[in-house]
Amino acid sequence: MASDRLLAAVLDVLTEVDPAEMFDARGVLRAVRPAVDPTPGLDDVDEVLALLALPMLGGVVAVCDGVYRTGAAAEIVVGRLRRLADAVRQVDDEGLADRY
């Protein structure tokens, strides 16, 4: 899975994308490559975009195969990610993860 630094860099790039514009993983990779060390690969960016395209996050919207447009604002996506992380921690803290 891609790193949290890559996720943050992709979210930063998406804040600069015009909502009417469409983009693909290659374009995002070109934009984030200088900001992330070690340098991510195309598969890493694809993973991040697939994560952000999940309906519960809504960070990007898949237009067609491999082409996206921006979705919810980065601040909203970060809030959703935090709530999801909190829920996962709670499941782990309560020992529910061991039961399933």
Protein backbone atom coordinates (compact mmCIF):
# COMPACT_ATOMS: atom_id res chain seq x y z
CA MET A 1 0.00 0.00 0.00
CA ALA A 2 1.12 3.50 -0.70
CA SER A 3 2.57 5.62 2.07
CA ASP A 4 0.80 8.31 4.05
CA ARG A 5 3.27 10.81 2.53
CA LEU A 6 2.07 9.86 -0.93
CA LEU A 7 -1.57 10.16 0.12
CA ALA A 8 -0.88 13.64 1.51
CA ALA A 9 0.98 14.66 -1.65
CA VAL A 10 -1.86 13.44 -3.88
CA LEU A 11 -4.41 15.34 -1.79
CA ASP A 12 -2.24 18.47 -2.12
CA VAL A 13 -2.09 18.05 -5.90
CA LEU A 14 -5.85 17.55 -6.12
CA THR A 15 -6.46 20.88 -4.39
CA GLU A 16 -4.82 22.52 -7.41
CA VAL A 17 -6.92 20.69 -10.01
CA ASP A 18 -9.82 22.56 -11.58
CA PRO A 19 -13.04 20.65 -10.68
CA ALA A 20 -14.01 20.58 -14.37
CA GLU A 21 -10.67 19.03 -15.34
CA MET A 22 -10.11 15.30 -15.74
CA PHE A 23 -6.83 13.61 -14.88
CA ASP A 24 -5.18 10.21 -14.71
CA ALA A 25 -2.59 8.53 -12.51
CA ARG A 26 0.29 9.47 -14.82
CA GLY A 27 -0.48 13.17 -14.48
CA VAL A 28 -0.75 12.88 -10.71
CA LEU A 29 2.51 10.91 -10.58
CA ARG A 30 4.33 13.66 -12.50
CA ALA A 31 3.05 16.21 -10.01
CA VAL A 32 3.86 14.27 -6.82
CA ARG A 33 7.16 12.71 -7.86
CA PRO A 34 9.34 15.64 -6.67
CA ALA A 35 7.52 15.83 -3.32
CA VAL A 36 7.71 12.18 -2.22
CA ASP A 37 10.77 10.20 -1.26
CA PRO A 38 11.20 7.39 -2.12
CA THR A 39 9.83 8.12 -5.55
CA PRO A 40 6.44 6.43 -5.97
CA GLY A 41 5.55 4.29 -8.92
CA LEU A 42 2.47 4.42 -11.11
CA ASP A 43 0.95 1.48 -9.21
CA ASP A 44 1.32 3.42 -5.94
CA VAL A 45 -0.57 6.40 -7.36
CA ASP A 46 -3.21 4.06 -8.81
CA GLU A 47 -3.71 2.62 -5.30
CA VAL A 48 -4.16 6.05 -3.77
CA LEU A 49 -6.65 7.10 -6.46
CA ALA A 50 -8.58 3.85 -5.99
CA LEU A 51 -8.72 4.53 -2.24
CA LEU A 52 -9.86 8.10 -2.77
CA ALA A 53 -12.51 6.89 -5.23
CA LEU A 54 -14.22 4.76 -2.58
CA PRO A 55 -17.71 6.18 -1.99
CA MET A 56 -17.07 6.54 1.74
CA LEU A 57 -14.19 8.93 0.99
CA GLY A 58 -15.31 10.55 -2.26
CA GLY A 59 -11.97 12.28 -2.85
CA VAL A 60 -12.08 11.56 -6.58
CA VAL A 61 -14.76 10.37 -8.95
CA ALA A 62 -13.96 7.76 -11.59
CA VAL A 63 -15.14 9.10 -14.94
CA CYS A 64 -14.03 6.10 -16.99
CA ASP A 65 -11.25 3.53 -16.84
CA GLY A 66 -8.30 5.28 -15.19
CA VAL A 67 -9.68 8.79 -15.63
CA TYR A 68 -10.88 10.83 -12.68
CA ARG A 69 -12.18 14.21 -11.64
CA THR A 70 -11.94 15.74 -8.21
CA GLY A 71 -14.57 14.93 -5.63
CA ALA A 72 -14.91 16.24 -2.10
CA ALA A 73 -12.47 18.86 -0.83
CA ALA A 74 -9.27 17.57 0.74
CA GLU A 75 -10.35 18.76 4.20
CA ILE A 76 -13.51 16.68 3.97
CA VAL A 77 -11.59 13.62 2.78
CA VAL A 78 -9.08 13.99 5.62
CA GLY A 79 -11.94 14.20 8.12
CA ARG A 80 -13.48 11.04 6.68
CA LEU A 81 -10.11 9.26 6.85
CA ARG A 82 -9.70 10.30 10.49
CA ARG A 83 -13.16 9.00 11.40
CA LEU A 84 -12.40 5.73 9.64
CA ALA A 85 -9.05 5.42 11.44
CA ASP A 86 -10.78 6.11 14.77
CA ALA A 87 -13.34 3.40 14.07
CA VAL A 88 -10.60 0.91 13.20
CA ARG A 89 -8.73 1.78 16.40
CA GLN A 90 -11.91 1.28 18.41
CA VAL A 91 -12.48 -2.15 16.86
CA ASP A 92 -8.90 -3.06 17.65
CA ASP A 93 -9.11 -1.69 21.22
CA GLU A 94 -12.28 -3.66 21.92
CA GLY A 95 -10.70 -6.86 20.66
CA LEU A 96 -13.35 -7.29 17.98
CA ALA A 97 -10.73 -7.79 15.31
CA ASP A 98 -9.68 -11.05 17.01
CA ARG A 99 -13.21 -12.45 16.74
CA TYR A 100 -13.55 -12.05 12.97
